[in-house]
Protein backbone atom coordinates (compact mmCIF):
# COMPACT_ATOMS: atom_id res chain seq x y z
CA MET A 1 -21.03 30.87 25.17
CA LEU A 2 -21.32 30.71 21.20
CA PHE A 3 -21.99 34.08 20.77
CA PHE A 4 -18.70 34.69 23.11
CA LEU A 5 -16.85 32.43 20.81
CA THR A 6 -18.09 34.45 17.89
CA LEU A 7 -16.59 37.77 19.23
CA LEU A 8 -13.41 36.01 20.12
CA SER A 9 -11.77 35.05 17.02
CA PRO A 10 -12.30 36.76 13.54
CA LEU A 11 -11.67 33.08 12.06
CA LEU A 12 -14.62 31.89 13.68
CA SER A 13 -16.75 33.27 11.02
CA SER A 14 -20.45 33.81 11.27
CA SER A 15 -21.04 31.32 8.40
CA VAL A 16 -19.27 28.53 10.32
CA VAL A 17 -20.69 29.17 13.37
CA ASN A 18 -24.03 28.92 11.80
CA ALA A 19 -23.46 26.00 9.76
CA ILE A 20 -21.87 23.99 13.24
CA ALA A 21 -25.02 25.57 15.31
CA THR A 22 -27.63 24.20 12.51
CA ALA A 23 -27.66 20.33 12.46
CA SER A 24 -29.75 18.97 10.09
CA TYR A 25 -27.45 19.10 6.85
CA SER A 26 -27.20 17.68 3.57
CA PRO A 27 -25.02 14.77 4.49
CA ILE A 28 -21.60 14.14 2.89
CA SER A 29 -22.16 10.32 1.09
CA ARG A 30 -19.83 7.99 2.52
CA ARG A 31 -17.10 6.08 0.19
CA ASP A 32 -15.44 3.03 0.08
CA ILE A 33 -12.86 4.19 -2.63
CA SER A 34 -11.93 7.33 -4.56
CA THR A 35 -12.52 7.66 -8.14
CA HIS A 36 -9.04 6.43 -9.12
CA GLY A 37 -8.81 4.19 -6.57
CA THR A 38 -5.56 5.97 -4.81
CA LEU A 39 -7.54 6.34 -1.59
CA THR A 40 -9.97 3.99 0.53
CA PHE A 41 -11.80 5.09 3.32
CA THR A 42 -13.18 3.19 6.40
CA TYR A 43 -15.02 4.31 9.63
CA PRO A 44 -13.64 2.84 12.14
CA SER A 45 -15.74 5.44 14.78
CA GLN A 46 -18.31 8.02 14.94
CA ASN A 47 -16.81 11.10 13.71
CA ILE A 48 -14.08 9.90 12.38
CA THR A 49 -12.80 8.81 8.73
CA ARG A 50 -9.48 6.97 8.08
CA ALA A 51 -8.20 7.49 4.29
CA THR A 52 -5.66 5.03 3.57
CA ILE A 53 -3.17 5.86 0.75
CA ASN A 54 -2.64 3.30 -2.38
CA ASN A 55 -1.14 4.69 -5.19
CA GLY A 56 1.42 2.79 -7.17
CA PRO A 57 4.68 1.24 -5.79
CA VAL A 58 6.07 4.08 -4.36
CA ASN A 59 2.88 6.07 -3.40
CA PHE A 60 3.58 8.69 -5.46
CA VAL A 61 2.04 12.29 -5.76
CA ASP A 62 0.56 12.44 -9.42
CA ARG A 63 -2.60 13.79 -11.16
CA LEU A 64 -4.20 10.87 -10.51
CA PHE A 65 -3.77 11.11 -6.42
CA ILE A 66 -4.11 14.63 -6.85
CA ASP A 67 -7.65 14.56 -8.20
CA ASP A 68 -8.66 11.84 -5.65
CA ILE A 69 -7.60 14.08 -2.75
CA LEU A 70 -9.18 17.15 -3.79
CA GLU A 71 -12.60 15.62 -4.56
CA PHE A 72 -12.30 13.96 -1.05
CA LEU A 73 -11.25 16.91 0.80
CA THR A 74 -13.17 19.99 -1.12
CA PRO A 75 -16.43 18.81 0.24
CA LEU A 76 -15.51 19.09 3.84
CA GLN A 77 -15.27 22.85 3.73
CA ASN A 78 -19.19 23.00 3.70
CA VAL A 79 -19.83 21.76 7.81
CA THR A 80 -22.66 19.15 7.46
CA SER A 81 -23.97 16.46 9.99
CA SER A 82 -21.64 13.93 8.71
CA THR A 83 -18.59 15.88 8.22
CA PRO A 84 -15.57 13.88 9.97
CA LYS A 85 -14.68 15.73 12.80
CA ILE A 86 -10.72 13.45 12.67
CA VAL A 87 -9.51 12.41 8.97
CA ILE A 88 -6.57 9.74 10.03
CA PHE A 89 -4.62 9.35 6.76
CA ASP A 90 -2.27 5.97 6.56
CA SER A 91 -0.92 3.60 3.92
CA SER A 92 -1.52 0.09 2.93
CA ASN A 93 2.24 0.19 1.58
CA PRO A 94 4.21 -1.26 4.34
CA ASP A 95 7.69 0.74 2.81
CA PHE A 96 5.91 3.97 1.57
CA TYR A 97 3.53 6.39 3.66
CA LEU A 98 3.34 8.98 0.94
CA GLY A 99 6.26 9.33 -1.59
CA HIS A 100 7.56 12.13 -3.91
CA ILE A 101 5.62 14.18 -6.82
CA ASP A 102 5.78 12.35 -10.28
CA MET A 103 9.03 13.11 -11.21
CA THR A 104 8.15 13.14 -14.39
CA SER A 105 6.09 16.35 -14.36
CA LEU A 106 9.17 18.19 -13.38
CA GLN A 107 10.77 17.45 -17.07
CA VAL A 108 10.71 20.18 -19.65
CA PRO A 109 8.52 21.44 -21.60
CA ILE A 110 6.57 22.68 -18.38
CA THR A 111 3.29 22.35 -20.00
CA THR A 112 0.04 24.16 -18.81
CA ALA A 113 -1.63 20.68 -17.59
CA LYS A 114 2.01 20.26 -15.61
CA LYS A 115 1.37 23.85 -14.07
CA GLN A 116 -2.18 22.94 -13.27
CA MET A 117 -1.04 19.97 -11.54
CA GLY A 118 1.27 22.03 -9.24
CA ALA A 119 -1.36 24.72 -8.52
CA ASP A 120 -3.86 21.98 -7.75
CA TYR A 121 -1.24 20.02 -5.38
CA VAL A 122 -0.92 23.73 -3.14
CA LYS A 123 -4.51 24.10 -3.66
CA PHE A 124 -5.38 20.63 -1.49
CA ALA A 125 -2.03 21.18 0.65
CA ASP A 126 -3.95 24.46 1.98
CA LEU A 127 -7.20 22.82 2.40
CA PHE A 128 -5.29 20.85 5.55
CA GLN A 129 -5.12 23.99 7.19
CA SER A 130 -8.09 26.12 5.33
CA ILE A 131 -10.75 23.49 6.64
CA THR A 132 -10.84 24.23 10.23
CA THR A 133 -13.61 21.87 11.52
CA THR A 134 -11.78 18.71 10.71
CA ILE A 135 -8.39 17.73 12.65
CA PHE A 136 -5.98 15.86 9.91
CA ILE A 137 -3.76 13.37 11.43
CA ALA A 138 -0.99 11.55 9.70
CA GLU A 139 -0.22 7.82 11.05
CA ILE A 140 3.26 7.05 9.53
CA ASN A 141 5.06 3.91 9.59
CA GLY A 142 6.80 4.17 6.17
CA ARG A 143 8.63 6.57 3.98
CA ALA A 144 7.81 10.17 3.05
CA PHE A 145 10.09 12.03 1.11
CA GLY A 146 10.01 15.05 -0.91
CA ALA A 147 6.17 16.14 -1.51
CA GLY A 148 5.08 13.14 1.11
CA ASN A 149 7.04 15.13 3.74
CA GLU A 150 5.83 18.39 2.69
CA LEU A 151 1.97 17.06 3.56
CA ILE A 152 2.54 15.55 6.38
CA ALA A 153 4.01 18.85 7.63
CA GLN A 154 1.10 20.89 6.74
CA MET A 155 -1.31 18.02 8.87
CA ASP A 156 -2.48 18.99 12.24
CA MET A 157 -0.69 16.33 13.82
CA ARG A 158 2.23 13.51 13.09
CA PHE A 159 2.60 10.22 14.61
CA VAL A 160 5.31 7.59 13.51
CA GLY A 161 6.16 3.62 14.04
CA PRO A 162 9.42 1.97 13.43
CA GLY A 163 9.42 2.23 9.66
CA ALA A 164 8.91 6.05 9.55
CA ARG A 165 11.50 8.00 7.62
CA THR A 166 10.63 11.43 6.26
CA GLY A 167 12.66 14.09 4.80
CA SER A 168 13.16 16.38 1.71
CA PHE A 169 15.67 15.74 -0.71
CA GLU A 170 14.61 18.66 -3.53
CA GLU A 171 18.04 20.49 -2.40
CA VAL A 172 20.38 17.71 -3.62
CA LEU A 173 18.51 18.02 -7.16
CA GLY A 174 19.07 22.09 -6.91
CA LEU A 175 15.39 22.34 -6.58
CA VAL A 176 13.69 23.53 -3.29
CA ALA A 177 10.90 22.25 -1.23
CA GLY A 178 8.36 24.23 -2.93
CA GLY A 179 4.95 22.94 -2.02
CA GLY A 180 5.24 24.44 1.84
CA GLY A 181 7.35 22.12 2.97
CA GLN A 182 10.04 24.89 3.61
CA THR A 183 7.82 26.79 5.15
CA PHE A 184 6.12 24.34 7.49
CA LEU A 185 9.20 23.02 8.70
CA GLY A 186 10.17 26.44 9.41
CA SER A 187 7.49 26.82 11.77
CA LEU A 188 7.68 23.51 13.04
CA LEU A 189 11.27 23.17 13.89
CA GLY A 190 12.55 26.82 14.24
CA LYS A 191 14.77 28.38 11.34
CA ALA A 192 18.59 27.17 11.92
CA LYS A 193 16.74 23.33 12.41
CA ALA A 194 14.60 23.95 9.45
CA LEU A 195 17.72 24.95 7.43
CA GLU A 196 20.20 22.29 8.77
CA TYR A 197 17.96 19.66 7.55
CA LEU A 198 16.58 21.05 4.38
CA LEU A 199 19.92 22.05 3.07
CA SER A 200 21.40 18.84 3.71
CA ALA A 201 18.94 16.64 2.71
CA LYS A 202 18.93 14.72 6.02
CA THR A 203 16.56 12.16 7.04
CA PHE A 204 14.12 12.14 9.97
CA ASP A 205 13.74 8.75 12.31
CA GLY A 206 10.72 8.64 14.50
CA PRO A 207 12.84 9.19 17.68
CA THR A 208 14.71 12.14 16.18
CA GLY A 209 11.69 13.83 14.91
CA GLU A 210 9.44 13.32 17.99
CA THR A 211 12.21 14.90 19.87
CA LEU A 212 12.80 17.86 17.47
CA GLY A 213 8.94 18.73 17.57
CA LEU A 214 8.05 17.41 13.73
CA PHE A 215 6.54 14.22 15.42
CA ASN A 216 3.69 14.43 18.24
CA LYS A 217 4.50 10.73 19.65
CA TYR A 218 7.12 7.76 18.55
CA TYR A 219 5.80 4.13 18.55
CA ASP A 220 8.19 1.12 18.60
CA ASP A 221 5.29 -0.78 17.67
CA PRO A 222 2.81 -0.28 14.67
CA THR A 223 0.12 -1.63 16.47
CA GLN A 224 0.62 0.74 19.48
CA LEU A 225 0.91 3.18 16.77
CA THR A 226 -2.76 2.47 15.22
CA GLN A 227 -4.14 1.82 18.58
CA GLY A 228 -2.90 5.06 20.22
CA VAL A 229 -3.63 7.45 17.12
CA LEU A 230 -7.71 6.18 17.37
CA GLN A 231 -7.74 6.29 21.10
CA LEU A 232 -6.68 10.15 20.74
CA ALA A 233 -9.22 10.66 17.88
CA GLN A 234 -11.83 9.08 19.70
CA ARG A 235 -11.03 11.17 22.95
CA ILE A 236 -11.37 14.31 20.44
CA ALA A 237 -14.41 13.37 18.62
CA ARG A 238 -16.64 13.36 21.22
CA PHE A 239 -16.38 17.14 22.21
CA PRO A 240 -18.35 19.73 20.46
CA LEU A 241 -17.27 20.85 16.99
CA VAL A 242 -17.53 24.50 17.72
CA SER A 243 -14.76 24.00 20.22
CA ILE A 244 -12.46 21.91 17.82
CA ASN A 245 -13.13 24.59 15.07
CA GLN A 246 -12.04 27.60 17.32
CA THR A 247 -9.17 25.91 18.58
CA LYS A 248 -7.43 25.02 14.74
CA SER A 249 -8.59 28.30 14.29
CA VAL A 250 -6.90 30.74 16.42
CA LEU A 251 -3.66 28.07 16.16
CA SER A 252 -4.01 28.94 12.52
CA TYR A 253 -2.33 32.45 13.38
CA LEU A 254 0.83 30.37 13.67
CA ASN A 255 1.18 29.07 10.09
CA PRO A 256 3.71 30.65 7.63
CA PRO A 257 1.72 33.60 5.65
CA SER A 258 0.27 31.77 2.66
CA ASP A 259 2.04 34.54 0.30
CA ALA A 260 5.34 32.72 1.43
CA SER A 261 4.48 29.48 0.05
CA LYS A 262 3.00 30.73 -3.28
CA LEU A 263 6.38 32.59 -3.93
CA ASP A 264 8.26 29.07 -2.62
CA PHE A 265 5.73 27.44 -5.48
CA GLN A 266 6.59 29.99 -8.10
CA ALA A 267 10.30 29.89 -7.31
CA PHE A 268 10.12 25.79 -7.54
CA TYR A 269 8.64 25.82 -11.38
CA ASP A 270 11.26 28.86 -12.31
CA ILE A 271 14.34 27.10 -10.74
CA GLU A 272 13.04 23.45 -12.10
CA GLN A 273 14.02 24.05 -15.64
CA PHE A 274 17.37 25.44 -15.41
CA PRO A 275 19.98 22.72 -17.37
CA GLU A 276 21.45 21.66 -14.36
CA GLU A 277 18.42 21.00 -12.44
CA GLN A 278 17.04 18.65 -15.54
CA SER A 279 19.91 16.74 -15.87
CA ASN A 280 19.47 15.91 -12.17
CA ILE A 281 15.95 15.33 -12.67
CA ARG A 282 17.07 13.06 -15.15
CA LYS A 283 19.61 11.10 -13.03
CA PHE A 284 16.82 10.59 -10.60
CA LEU A 285 14.21 8.88 -13.02
CA GLN A 286 17.41 6.66 -14.47
CA LEU A 287 18.68 5.51 -10.58
CA SER A 288 15.32 5.07 -9.56
CA GLY A 289 14.51 2.70 -12.67
CA ASN A 290 11.44 5.54 -13.48
CA GLN A 291 10.25 5.50 -10.04
CA THR A 292 9.95 1.81 -9.05
CA ALA A 293 10.23 0.56 -5.31
CA GLY A 294 14.12 -0.50 -6.09
CA LYS A 295 16.98 0.14 -3.73
CA PHE A 296 17.08 3.63 -4.93
CA GLU A 297 13.44 4.54 -3.93
CA LEU A 298 13.96 2.86 -0.57
CA GLY A 299 16.88 4.42 0.44
CA LEU A 300 15.96 7.95 0.22
CA GLY A 301 17.17 10.12 1.43
CA GLU A 302 20.62 9.19 1.39
CA SER A 303 20.21 7.41 -2.28
CA VAL A 304 19.63 11.19 -3.62
CA LEU A 305 23.36 11.27 -3.01
CA GLY A 306 23.97 8.47 -5.85
CA ILE A 307 23.31 11.54 -8.43
CA TYR A 308 26.93 12.93 -7.38
CA GLY A 309 28.57 9.18 -6.66
CA LEU A 310 28.50 9.42 -3.26
CA TRP A 311 25.84 6.81 -2.10
CA ASN A 312 27.12 3.18 -1.15
CA GLY A 313 24.02 1.64 -1.73
CA ALA A 314 23.01 0.82 1.13
CA ILE A 315 18.97 0.64 2.67
CA THR A 316 18.37 2.50 6.27
CA PRO A 317 16.50 -0.03 8.01
């Protein structure tokens, strides 16, 4: 059977097959917390890791978070006896699952350090798909806008609770969802629906996202969300790693071309330096109180319309 699977798909490389088949391996050391403290780790069941996001008042994506998640994901490329079959990403923040990118990193001048941060962001986002021996599940019961929405779209599955609100607001600023958000939403929703939600900066709630196919399942109770995700993870984790790898590898043919994401990323950095876009970024920082957990951040995505004087101050419950 292993020989048959090796022939079946070019994506199942001999190196991966050999790593799966030889099981004494050097183990990945278990940790409780990442270097910068933006991720904490628990191990609810055999072959399952829960990575909990905790990065500031709005859980934004900054240099520290990017370093921590790269530190966590990079070793998973080398299959060992302790490589988790399932990683569940959740949040310690009841209001924010995973926020937008640190908007100060988008202000001119665009330094080498800022460009490197962007490149590393794309690098770790790519790992969600290129690591085919681990399934990445987003367990969402808070807000995920901008980069947060892009990243959950690139995970393998998404399950949401009543507090989930996701979306892309970049177009309101004159920017684009340039870290894979546009291309993966197009694959998940289809071109027409992706255009509708991206260009209008509309918000996905749980039931809407489930209906459109963005979310695997909506739970109207947070406890049921956690229990349901864990039960699914435990079921999958019982099965041989070679079949998990093969299935994810083959379905990766449905991903958008990697070149499309790279072109989108470059376009993002070109566009963001225009005067109007820089003005909108400054307005965003002002309205958000420099990215604090106030009404503006809680009101995303409608609140970003305040840049044009179109937000009434209401927060979507």
